[in-house]
Amino acid sequence: MAKVNVHDAKTHLSRLLERAHAGEEIIIAKGGKPFARLGPLRSPVARKPGLLSGKVDRKFFEPLPDAELAAWEK
């Protein structure tokens, strides 16, 4: 994991982005202390609809009781 100060990060941002895209994690330091992390984004997980079986009955669409609603709003 590389550590780069803010000035160098500004100067070489394009290079740092390429390194991060390649999988490297880079710590950007401010005043010698770690301040931010630059790293690769994870690929989104592909989701396929319809994998669960079963049916939703009418009760699913009924309003929740007041006690249940209150618990969700805490």
PDB file of N, CA and C in Angstrom:
ATOM      1  N   MET A   1       0.854  -1.160   0.000  1.00  0.00           N
ATOM      2  CA  MET A   1       0.000   0.000   0.000  1.00  0.00           C
ATOM      3  C   MET A   1       0.910   1.236   0.000  1.00  0.00           C
ATOM      4  N   ALA A   2       0.741   2.085  -0.985  1.00  0.00           N
ATOM      5  CA  ALA A   2       1.555   3.288  -1.115  1.00  0.00           C
ATOM      6  C   ALA A   2       0.975   4.421  -0.283  1.00  0.00           C
ATOM      7  N   LYS A   3       1.869   5.300   0.196  1.00  0.00           N
ATOM      8  CA  LYS A   3       1.445   6.483   0.946  1.00  0.00           C
ATOM      9  C   LYS A   3       1.955   7.701   0.181  1.00  0.00           C
ATOM     10  N   VAL A   4       1.060   8.622  -0.152  1.00  0.00           N
ATOM     11  CA  VAL A   4       1.387   9.788  -0.967  1.00  0.00           C
ATOM     12  C   VAL A   4       0.852  11.028  -0.264  1.00  0.00           C
ATOM     13  N   ASN A   5       1.646  12.118  -0.267  1.00  0.00           N
ATOM     14  CA  ASN A   5       1.134  13.335   0.348  1.00  0.00           C
ATOM     15  C   ASN A   5       0.186  14.058  -0.616  1.00  0.00           C
ATOM     16  N   VAL A   6      -0.581  14.987  -0.103  1.00  0.00           N
ATOM     17  CA  VAL A   6      -1.622  15.656  -0.880  1.00  0.00           C
ATOM     18  C   VAL A   6      -1.039  16.362  -2.104  1.00  0.00           C
ATOM     19  N   HIS A   7       0.077  17.049  -1.937  1.00  0.00           N
ATOM     20  CA  HIS A   7       0.674  17.775  -3.063  1.00  0.00           C
ATOM     21  C   HIS A   7       1.027  16.814  -4.195  1.00  0.00           C
ATOM     22  N   ASP A   8       1.680  15.689  -3.856  1.00  0.00           N
ATOM     23  CA  ASP A   8       2.027  14.706  -4.892  1.00  0.00           C
ATOM     24  C   ASP A   8       0.782  14.075  -5.499  1.00  0.00           C
ATOM     25  N   ALA A   9      -0.255  13.874  -4.681  1.00  0.00           N
ATOM     26  CA  ALA A   9      -1.499  13.298  -5.198  1.00  0.00           C
ATOM     27  C   ALA A   9      -2.136  14.231  -6.221  1.00  0.00           C
ATOM     28  N   LYS A  10      -2.102  15.542  -5.940  1.00  0.00           N
ATOM     29  CA  LYS A  10      -2.648  16.509  -6.898  1.00  0.00           C
ATOM     30  C   LYS A  10      -1.828  16.495  -8.188  1.00  0.00           C
ATOM     31  N   THR A  11      -0.511  16.459  -8.037  1.00  0.00           N
ATOM     32  CA  THR A  11       0.383  16.514  -9.190  1.00  0.00           C
ATOM     33  C   THR A  11       0.268  15.269 -10.064  1.00  0.00           C
ATOM     34  N   HIS A  12       0.095  14.113  -9.436  1.00  0.00           N
ATOM     35  CA  HIS A  12       0.123  12.842 -10.166  1.00  0.00           C
ATOM     36  C   HIS A  12      -1.201  12.086 -10.079  1.00  0.00           C
ATOM     37  N   LEU A  13      -2.314  12.816 -10.027  1.00  0.00           N
ATOM     38  CA  LEU A  13      -3.615  12.173  -9.849  1.00  0.00           C
ATOM     39  C   LEU A  13      -3.910  11.144 -10.937  1.00  0.00           C
ATOM     40  N   SER A  14      -3.630  11.460 -12.190  1.00  0.00           N
ATOM     41  CA  SER A  14      -3.911  10.515 -13.275  1.00  0.00           C
ATOM     42  C   SER A  14      -3.155   9.207 -13.086  1.00  0.00           C
ATOM     43  N   ARG A  15      -1.899   9.305 -12.709  1.00  0.00           N
ATOM     44  CA  ARG A  15      -1.093   8.082 -12.481  1.00  0.00           C
ATOM     45  C   ARG A  15      -1.642   7.290 -11.296  1.00  0.00           C
ATOM     46  N   LEU A  16      -2.005   8.010 -10.240  1.00  0.00           N
ATOM     47  CA  LEU A  16      -2.548   7.324  -9.067  1.00  0.00           C
ATOM     48  C   LEU A  16      -3.866   6.633  -9.388  1.00  0.00           C
ATOM     49  N   LEU A  17      -4.688   7.276 -10.207  1.00  0.00           N
ATOM     50  CA  LEU A  17      -5.951   6.652 -10.612  1.00  0.00           C
ATOM     51  C   LEU A  17      -5.707   5.376 -11.402  1.00  0.00           C
ATOM     52  N   GLU A  18      -4.716   5.391 -12.269  1.00  0.00           N
ATOM     53  CA  GLU A  18      -4.384   4.182 -13.042  1.00  0.00           C
ATOM     54  C   GLU A  18      -3.932   3.066 -12.113  1.00  0.00           C
ATOM     55  N   ARG A  19      -3.114   3.412 -11.129  1.00  0.00           N
ATOM     56  CA  ARG A  19      -2.647   2.398 -10.179  1.00  0.00           C
ATOM     57  C   ARG A  19      -3.817   1.838  -9.367  1.00  0.00           C
ATOM     58  N   ALA A  20      -4.718   2.720  -8.941  1.00  0.00           N
ATOM     59  CA  ALA A  20      -5.889   2.273  -8.180  1.00  0.00           C
ATOM     60  C   ALA A  20      -6.780   1.390  -9.043  1.00  0.00           C
ATOM     61  N   HIS A  21      -6.950   1.774 -10.290  1.00  0.00           N
ATOM     62  CA  HIS A  21      -7.772   0.975 -11.204  1.00  0.00           C
ATOM     63  C   HIS A  21      -7.166  -0.415 -11.409  1.00  0.00           C
ATOM     64  N   ALA A  22      -5.837  -0.494 -11.343  1.00  0.00           N
ATOM     65  CA  ALA A  22      -5.151  -1.777 -11.493  1.00  0.00           C
ATOM     66  C   ALA A  22      -5.236  -2.630 -10.228  1.00  0.00           C
ATOM     67  N   GLY A  23      -5.800  -2.069  -9.154  1.00  0.00           N
ATOM     68  CA  GLY A  23      -6.010  -2.867  -7.948  1.00  0.00           C
ATOM     69  C   GLY A  23      -5.218  -2.414  -6.737  1.00  0.00           C
ATOM     70  N   GLU A  24      -4.358  -1.427  -6.889  1.00  0.00           N
ATOM     71  CA  GLU A  24      -3.542  -0.962  -5.773  1.00  0.00           C
ATOM     72  C   GLU A  24      -4.344  -0.013  -4.891  1.00  0.00           C
ATOM     73  N   GLU A  25      -4.067  -0.072  -3.587  1.00  0.00           N
ATOM     74  CA  GLU A  25      -4.683   0.852  -2.659  1.00  0.00           C
ATOM     75  C   GLU A  25      -3.649   1.905  -2.288  1.00  0.00           C
ATOM     76  N   ILE A  26      -4.022   3.167  -2.337  1.00  0.00           N
ATOM     77  CA  ILE A  26      -3.110   4.268  -2.080  1.00  0.00           C
ATOM     78  C   ILE A  26      -3.678   5.120  -0.960  1.00  0.00           C
ATOM     79  N   ILE A  27      -2.840   5.415   0.024  1.00  0.00           N
ATOM     80  CA  ILE A  27      -3.235   6.269   1.133  1.00  0.00           C
ATOM     81  C   ILE A  27      -2.736   7.677   0.832  1.00  0.00           C
ATOM     82  N   ILE A  28      -3.629   8.653   0.924  1.00  0.00           N
ATOM     83  CA  ILE A  28      -3.252  10.050   0.739  1.00  0.00           C
ATOM     84  C   ILE A  28      -3.110  10.656   2.136  1.00  0.00           C
ATOM     85  N   ALA A  29      -1.923  11.216   2.393  1.00  0.00           N
ATOM     86  CA  ALA A  29      -1.622  11.754   3.712  1.00  0.00           C
ATOM     87  C   ALA A  29      -1.633  13.277   3.689  1.00  0.00           C
ATOM     88  N   LYS A  30      -2.061  13.838   4.798  1.00  0.00           N
ATOM     89  CA  LYS A  30      -2.070  15.289   4.964  1.00  0.00           C
ATOM     90  C   LYS A  30      -1.311  15.580   6.252  1.00  0.00           C
ATOM     91  N   GLY A  31      -0.222  16.326   6.124  1.00  0.00           N
ATOM     92  CA  GLY A  31       0.601  16.588   7.294  1.00  0.00           C
ATOM     93  C   GLY A  31       1.243  15.333   7.842  1.00  0.00           C
ATOM     94  N   GLY A  32       1.479  14.347   6.974  1.00  0.00           N
ATOM     95  CA  GLY A  32       2.109  13.095   7.388  1.00  0.00           C
ATOM     96  C   GLY A  32       1.164  12.087   8.009  1.00  0.00           C
ATOM     97  N   LYS A  33      -0.107  12.450   8.153  1.00  0.00           N
ATOM     98  CA  LYS A  33      -1.091  11.538   8.750  1.00  0.00           C
ATOM     99  C   LYS A  33      -2.047  11.044   7.672  1.00  0.00           C
ATOM    100  N   PRO A  34      -2.396   9.761   7.704  1.00  0.00           N
ATOM    101  CA  PRO A  34      -3.353   9.231   6.721  1.00  0.00           C
ATOM    102  C   PRO A  34      -4.646  10.040   6.746  1.00  0.00           C
ATOM    103  N   PHE A  35      -5.114  10.412   5.548  1.00  0.00           N
ATOM    104  CA  PHE A  35      -6.279  11.293   5.446  1.00  0.00           C
ATOM    105  C   PHE A  35      -7.382  10.682   4.599  1.00  0.00           C
ATOM    106  N   ALA A  36      -6.993   9.974   3.517  1.00  0.00           N
ATOM    107  CA  ALA A  36      -7.982   9.373   2.617  1.00  0.00           C
ATOM    108  C   ALA A  36      -7.372   8.145   1.946  1.00  0.00           C
ATOM    109  N   ARG A  37      -8.250   7.308   1.427  1.00  0.00           N
ATOM    110  CA  ARG A  37      -7.818   6.096   0.737  1.00  0.00           C
ATOM    111  C   ARG A  37      -8.327   6.130  -0.695  1.00  0.00           C
ATOM    112  N   LEU A  38      -7.432   5.822  -1.624  1.00  0.00           N
ATOM    113  CA  LEU A  38      -7.794   5.740  -3.034  1.00  0.00           C
ATOM    114  C   LEU A  38      -7.640   4.285  -3.435  1.00  0.00           C
ATOM    115  N   GLY A  39      -8.692   3.697  -3.964  1.00  0.00           N
ATOM    116  CA  GLY A  39      -8.625   2.288  -4.323  1.00  0.00           C
ATOM    117  C   GLY A  39      -9.592   1.961  -5.440  1.00  0.00           C
ATOM    118  N   PRO A  40      -9.520   0.738  -5.920  1.00  0.00           N
ATOM    119  CA  PRO A  40     -10.385   0.327  -7.026  1.00  0.00           C
ATOM    120  C   PRO A  40     -11.827   0.160  -6.571  1.00  0.00           C
ATOM    121  N   LEU A  41     -12.731   0.383  -7.482  1.00  0.00           N
ATOM    122  CA  LEU A  41     -14.144   0.115  -7.213  1.00  0.00           C
ATOM    123  C   LEU A  41     -14.410  -1.364  -7.435  1.00  0.00           C
ATOM    124  N   ARG A  42     -15.295  -1.893  -6.633  1.00  0.00           N
ATOM    125  CA  ARG A  42     -15.687  -3.294  -6.841  1.00  0.00           C
ATOM    126  C   ARG A  42     -16.730  -3.358  -7.945  1.00  0.00           C
ATOM    127  N   SER A  43     -16.702  -4.417  -8.699  1.00  0.00           N
ATOM    128  CA  SER A  43     -17.705  -4.604  -9.739  1.00  0.00           C
ATOM    129  C   SER A  43     -19.052  -4.864  -9.095  1.00  0.00           C
ATOM    130  N   PRO A  44     -20.109  -4.293  -9.638  1.00  0.00           N
ATOM    131  CA  PRO A  44     -21.430  -4.559  -9.070  1.00  0.00           C
ATOM    132  C   PRO A  44     -21.817  -6.025  -9.251  1.00  0.00           C
ATOM    133  N   VAL A  45     -22.533  -6.529  -8.291  1.00  0.00           N
ATOM    134  CA  VAL A  45     -22.985  -7.919  -8.351  1.00  0.00           C
ATOM    135  C   VAL A  45     -24.156  -8.010  -9.319  1.00  0.00           C
ATOM    136  N   ALA A  46     -24.048  -8.911 -10.256  1.00  0.00           N
ATOM    137  CA  ALA A  46     -25.142  -9.097 -11.216  1.00  0.00           C
ATOM    138  C   ALA A  46     -26.302  -9.789 -10.506  1.00  0.00           C
ATOM    139  N   ARG A  47     -27.464  -9.201 -10.619  1.00  0.00           N
ATOM    140  CA  ARG A  47     -28.647  -9.779  -9.981  1.00  0.00           C
ATOM    141  C   ARG A  47     -29.575 -10.310 -11.059  1.00  0.00           C
ATOM    142  N   LYS A  48     -30.160 -11.451 -10.770  1.00  0.00           N
ATOM    143  CA  LYS A  48     -31.115 -12.051 -11.699  1.00  0.00           C
ATOM    144  C   LYS A  48     -32.473 -12.108 -11.015  1.00  0.00           C
ATOM    145  N   PRO A  49     -33.443 -11.389 -11.533  1.00  0.00           N
ATOM    146  CA  PRO A  49     -34.758 -11.411 -10.904  1.00  0.00           C
ATOM    147  C   PRO A  49     -35.441 -12.765 -11.073  1.00  0.00           C
ATOM    148  N   GLY A  50     -36.291 -13.076 -10.135  1.00  0.00           N
ATOM    149  CA  GLY A  50     -37.090 -14.289 -10.252  1.00  0.00           C
ATOM    150  C   GLY A  50     -36.429 -15.531  -9.699  1.00  0.00           C
ATOM    151  N   LEU A  51     -35.387 -15.395  -8.884  1.00  0.00           N
ATOM    152  CA  LEU A  51     -34.721 -16.583  -8.356  1.00  0.00           C
ATOM    153  C   LEU A  51     -35.475 -17.190  -7.181  1.00  0.00           C
ATOM    154  N   LEU A  52     -36.295 -16.393  -6.500  1.00  0.00           N
ATOM    155  CA  LEU A  52     -37.041 -16.917  -5.363  1.00  0.00           C
ATOM    156  C   LEU A  52     -38.374 -17.485  -5.837  1.00  0.00           C
ATOM    157  N   SER A  53     -38.768 -18.526  -5.185  1.00  0.00           N
ATOM    158  CA  SER A  53     -40.054 -19.118  -5.559  1.00  0.00           C
ATOM    159  C   SER A  53     -41.107 -18.728  -4.521  1.00  0.00           C
ATOM    160  N   GLY A  54     -42.339 -18.941  -4.858  1.00  0.00           N
ATOM    161  CA  GLY A  54     -43.430 -18.636  -3.952  1.00  0.00           C
ATOM    162  C   GLY A  54     -44.264 -17.488  -4.476  1.00  0.00           C
ATOM    163  N   LYS A  55     -45.282 -17.153  -3.724  1.00  0.00           N
ATOM    164  CA  LYS A  55     -46.181 -16.086  -4.132  1.00  0.00           C
ATOM    165  C   LYS A  55     -46.402 -15.144  -2.969  1.00  0.00           C
ATOM    166  N   VAL A  56     -46.761 -13.925  -3.292  1.00  0.00           N
ATOM    167  CA  VAL A  56     -47.083 -12.922  -2.294  1.00  0.00           C
ATOM    168  C   VAL A  56     -48.598 -12.893  -2.181  1.00  0.00           C
ATOM    169  N   ASP A  57     -49.085 -13.073  -0.948  1.00  0.00           N
ATOM    170  CA  ASP A  57     -50.543 -13.052  -0.793  1.00  0.00           C
ATOM    171  C   ASP A  57     -51.021 -11.635  -0.485  1.00  0.00           C
ATOM    172  N   ARG A  58     -52.318 -11.463  -0.368  1.00  0.00           N
ATOM    173  CA  ARG A  58     -52.922 -10.140  -0.170  1.00  0.00           C
ATOM    174  C   ARG A  58     -52.486  -9.487   1.136  1.00  0.00           C
ATOM    175  N   LYS A  59     -52.201 -10.281   2.148  1.00  0.00           N
ATOM    176  CA  LYS A  59     -51.820  -9.746   3.443  1.00  0.00           C
ATOM    177  C   LYS A  59     -50.539  -8.897   3.326  1.00  0.00           C
ATOM    178  N   PHE A  60     -49.683  -9.223   2.393  1.00  0.00           N
ATOM    179  CA  PHE A  60     -48.444  -8.473   2.172  1.00  0.00           C
ATOM    180  C   PHE A  60     -48.722  -7.001   1.878  1.00  0.00           C
ATOM    181  N   PHE A  61     -49.819  -6.725   1.189  1.00  0.00           N
ATOM    182  CA  PHE A  61     -50.143  -5.369   0.761  1.00  0.00           C
ATOM    183  C   PHE A  61     -51.002  -4.596   1.764  1.00  0.00           C
ATOM    184  N   GLU A  62     -51.405  -5.239   2.844  1.00  0.00           N
ATOM    185  CA  GLU A  62     -52.201  -4.559   3.862  1.00  0.00           C
ATOM    186  C   GLU A  62     -51.317  -3.622   4.679  1.00  0.00           C
ATOM    187  N   PRO A  63     -51.873  -2.519   5.181  1.00  0.00           N
ATOM    188  CA  PRO A  63     -51.092  -1.588   6.000  1.00  0.00           C
ATOM    189  C   PRO A  63     -50.559  -2.274   7.258  1.00  0.00           C
ATOM    190  N   LEU A  64     -49.396  -1.868   7.693  1.00  0.00           N
ATOM    191  CA  LEU A  64     -48.815  -2.427   8.913  1.00  0.00           C
ATOM    192  C   LEU A  64     -49.542  -1.878  10.125  1.00  0.00           C
ATOM    193  N   PRO A  65     -49.585  -2.659  11.197  1.00  0.00           N
ATOM    194  CA  PRO A  65     -50.175  -2.163  12.447  1.00  0.00           C
ATOM    195  C   PRO A  65     -49.357  -0.980  12.976  1.00  0.00           C
ATOM    196  N   ASP A  66     -49.999  -0.116  13.767  1.00  0.00           N
ATOM    197  CA  ASP A  66     -49.339   1.079  14.296  1.00  0.00           C
ATOM    198  C   ASP A  66     -48.074   0.751  15.083  1.00  0.00           C
ATOM    199  N   ALA A  67     -48.099  -0.312  15.867  1.00  0.00           N
ATOM    200  CA  ALA A  67     -46.927  -0.696  16.659  1.00  0.00           C
ATOM    201  C   ALA A  67     -45.750  -1.050  15.744  1.00  0.00           C
ATOM    202  N   GLU A  68     -46.032  -1.740  14.675  1.00  0.00           N
ATOM    203  CA  GLU A  68     -44.969  -2.115  13.700  1.00  0.00           C
ATOM    204  C   GLU A  68     -44.404  -0.872  13.005  1.00  0.00           C
ATOM    205  N   LEU A  69     -45.275   0.028  12.620  1.00  0.00           N
ATOM    206  CA  LEU A  69     -44.825   1.274  11.977  1.00  0.00           C
ATOM    207  C   LEU A  69     -43.948   2.090  12.938  1.00  0.00           C
ATOM    208  N   ALA A  70     -44.353   2.154  14.193  1.00  0.00           N
ATOM    209  CA  ALA A  70     -43.579   2.892  15.187  1.00  0.00           C
ATOM    210  C   ALA A  70     -42.195   2.290  15.365  1.00  0.00           C
ATOM    211  N   ALA A  71     -42.120   0.973  15.348  1.00  0.00           N
ATOM    212  CA  ALA A  71     -40.822   0.315  15.483  1.00  0.00           C
ATOM    213  C   ALA A  71     -39.902   0.636  14.313  1.00  0.00           C
ATOM    214  N   TRP A  72     -40.415   0.759  13.125  1.00  0.00           N
ATOM    215  CA  TRP A  72     -39.606   1.094  11.936  1.00  0.00           C
ATOM    216  C   TRP A  72     -39.148   2.539  11.952  1.00  0.00           C
ATOM    217  N   GLU A  73     -39.899   3.401  12.575  1.00  0.00           N
ATOM    218  CA  GLU A  73     -39.582   4.830  12.555  1.00  0.00           C
ATOM    219  C   GLU A  73     -38.622   5.247  13.659  1.00  0.00           C
ATOM    220  N   LYS A  74     -38.197   4.332  14.507  1.00  0.00           N
ATOM    221  CA  LYS A  74     -37.243   4.668  15.577  1.00  0.00           C
ATOM    222  C   LYS A  74     -35.883   4.894  15.005  1.00  0.00           C
TER     223      LYS A  74
END
